Amino acid sequence: MSAILPIEVDGEATGFVTPEIHGFRFHAASGRYHLLDGSRFPSPETARTAARRLRAAQNDCPRSS
């Protein structure tokens, strides 16, 4: 059985990673993080950093109404 490691950013569940032979695969918990879904990272921390950066980019982008 493989380990499932949750990835959170400031208390928000972004997804989880599962270990693979050459790193960790990210699985998005919500549509907000779908751009990262399926991405492979060398460590859970690098996945968390990517999720944090994606959220920051989304927060900086003005939404059209």
Protein backbone atom coordinates (compact mmCIF):
# COMPACT_ATOMS: atom_id res chain seq x y z
CA MET A 1 0.00 0.00 0.00
CA SER A 2 1.41 3.39 -0.93
CA ALA A 3 1.37 6.39 1.36
CA ILE A 4 -0.96 9.28 0.66
CA LEU A 5 0.47 12.55 1.91
CA PRO A 6 -1.87 15.55 2.17
CA ILE A 7 -0.69 18.89 0.83
CA GLU A 8 -2.04 22.00 2.54
CA VAL A 9 -1.28 25.68 2.11
CA ASP A 10 -2.20 27.90 5.06
CA GLY A 11 -4.74 25.34 6.28
CA GLU A 12 -6.37 24.88 2.86
CA ALA A 13 -6.38 21.35 1.44
CA THR A 14 -4.87 21.65 -2.04
CA GLY A 15 -4.49 17.96 -2.78
CA PHE A 16 -2.28 15.04 -1.94
CA VAL A 17 0.82 13.34 -3.28
CA THR A 18 1.52 9.67 -3.73
CA PRO A 19 5.05 8.29 -3.93
CA GLU A 20 6.36 6.96 -7.23
CA ILE A 21 9.72 5.54 -8.22
CA HIS A 22 11.06 8.94 -9.31
CA GLY A 23 9.23 11.36 -7.02
CA PHE A 24 5.69 12.18 -5.95
CA ARG A 25 2.53 12.56 -8.06
CA PHE A 26 0.15 15.42 -7.17
CA HIS A 27 -3.62 14.87 -7.13
CA ALA A 28 -5.73 18.04 -6.87
CA ALA A 29 -8.39 18.29 -4.16
CA SER A 30 -10.26 21.10 -5.90
CA GLY A 31 -10.57 22.76 -9.27
CA ARG A 32 -8.44 25.63 -8.06
CA TYR A 33 -5.40 23.33 -8.24
CA HIS A 34 -6.29 21.37 -11.39
CA LEU A 35 -3.29 22.80 -13.25
CA LEU A 36 -1.05 20.79 -10.93
CA ASP A 37 -3.10 17.59 -11.12
CA GLY A 38 -0.93 14.71 -12.32
CA SER A 39 2.32 16.67 -12.01
CA ARG A 40 5.35 14.89 -10.62
CA PHE A 41 7.53 16.54 -7.97
CA PRO A 42 10.79 15.46 -6.35
CA SER A 43 9.36 15.92 -2.84
CA PRO A 44 6.10 16.78 -1.05
CA GLU A 45 7.61 20.15 -0.13
CA THR A 46 8.16 21.07 -3.78
CA ALA A 47 4.53 20.15 -4.48
CA ARG A 48 3.45 22.41 -1.59
CA THR A 49 5.59 25.23 -2.97
CA ALA A 50 3.99 24.84 -6.41
CA ALA A 51 0.51 24.92 -4.87
CA ARG A 52 1.42 28.02 -2.86
CA ARG A 53 2.73 29.77 -5.99
CA LEU A 54 -0.34 28.82 -8.02
CA ARG A 55 -2.66 30.18 -5.35
CA ALA A 56 -0.64 33.41 -5.12
CA ALA A 57 -0.79 33.84 -8.91
CA GLN A 58 -4.54 33.27 -8.88
CA ASN A 59 -4.99 35.80 -6.08
CA ASP A 60 -2.93 38.39 -8.01
CA CYS A 61 -4.98 37.92 -11.19
CA PRO A 62 -8.05 40.15 -11.42
CA ARG A 63 -11.23 38.24 -12.16
CA SER A 64 -13.52 39.43 -14.89
CA SER A 65 -17.14 39.97 -13.90
